[in-house]
């Protein structure tokens, strides 16, 4: 016999997800990306934190590859 699914194992509610998708698709300013579920939100947040950290860490290297004096007007 299969155990009942619990909200601890699978927190996503497909009906609520469908309603959220419908709302976004029919809004005046639909989003390009839609995160559904607290688990997805946490994982994406952790990934973005890692990307931002790496992005900041290589700033000097990135700017160091420009011609001298280039890129100053960009920032």
Protein backbone atom coordinates (compact mmCIF):
# COMPACT_ATOMS: atom_id res chain seq x y z
CA UNK A 1 0.00 0.00 0.00
CA UNK A 2 1.28 3.45 -0.93
CA UNK A 3 1.65 5.92 1.92
CA UNK A 4 -0.40 9.07 1.63
CA UNK A 5 1.50 12.02 0.27
CA UNK A 6 2.27 14.64 2.87
CA UNK A 7 2.72 18.36 2.44
CA UNK A 8 6.12 17.94 4.12
CA UNK A 9 7.31 15.69 1.29
CA UNK A 10 5.56 17.55 -1.52
CA UNK A 11 4.68 21.09 -0.44
CA UNK A 12 3.33 22.21 -3.83
CA UNK A 13 -0.42 22.44 -4.32
CA UNK A 14 -1.17 22.00 -8.04
CA UNK A 15 -4.47 23.85 -7.79
CA UNK A 16 -2.80 26.88 -6.23
CA UNK A 17 -0.03 26.67 -8.84
CA UNK A 18 -2.58 26.66 -11.66
CA UNK A 19 -4.32 29.68 -10.16
CA UNK A 20 -0.99 31.53 -9.87
CA UNK A 21 -0.11 30.73 -13.48
CA UNK A 22 -3.54 31.88 -14.66
CA UNK A 23 -3.20 35.12 -12.69
CA UNK A 24 0.23 35.90 -14.12
CA UNK A 25 -0.69 35.03 -17.71
CA UNK A 26 -3.75 37.26 -17.55
CA UNK A 27 -2.10 40.19 -15.79
CA UNK A 28 -1.31 43.48 -17.52
CA UNK A 29 2.42 42.91 -16.92
CA UNK A 30 3.02 39.16 -17.16
CA UNK A 31 6.33 37.96 -15.76
CA UNK A 32 8.95 36.33 -17.93
CA UNK A 33 9.69 33.82 -15.16
CA UNK A 34 7.44 32.51 -12.42
CA UNK A 35 8.74 30.64 -9.41
CA UNK A 36 6.24 28.20 -7.97
CA UNK A 37 6.73 26.63 -4.57
CA UNK A 38 8.69 27.51 -1.47
CA UNK A 39 11.21 24.77 -2.22
CA UNK A 40 11.94 26.22 -5.66
CA UNK A 41 12.15 29.73 -4.23
CA UNK A 42 14.73 28.66 -1.64
CA UNK A 43 16.84 26.72 -4.15
CA UNK A 44 16.81 29.53 -6.71
CA UNK A 45 17.66 32.06 -3.98
CA UNK A 46 20.66 29.99 -2.90
CA UNK A 47 21.84 29.68 -6.51
CA UNK A 48 21.46 33.42 -7.10
CA UNK A 49 23.43 34.18 -3.93
CA UNK A 50 26.23 31.95 -5.21
CA UNK A 51 26.18 33.62 -8.64
CA UNK A 52 26.27 37.13 -7.13
CA UNK A 53 29.19 36.14 -4.92
CA UNK A 54 31.15 34.79 -7.90
CA UNK A 55 30.16 37.84 -9.97
CA UNK A 56 31.55 40.22 -7.36
CA UNK A 57 34.71 38.14 -6.88
CA UNK A 58 35.77 38.46 -10.53
CA UNK A 59 35.11 42.19 -10.96
CA UNK A 60 38.79 43.14 -10.93
CA UNK A 61 39.63 40.36 -13.38
CA UNK A 62 36.80 41.42 -15.71
CA UNK A 63 37.81 45.08 -15.71
CA UNK A 64 41.46 44.11 -15.98
CA UNK A 65 40.89 42.67 -19.44
CA UNK A 66 39.75 46.00 -20.94
CA UNK A 67 41.95 48.44 -22.78
CA UNK A 68 43.33 51.02 -20.32
CA UNK A 69 40.70 53.68 -19.64
CA UNK A 70 37.89 51.71 -21.30
CA UNK A 71 34.62 51.00 -19.57
CA UNK A 72 34.65 53.98 -17.23
CA UNK A 73 31.53 55.49 -18.78
CA UNK A 74 29.62 52.21 -18.36
CA UNK A 75 29.42 52.37 -14.58
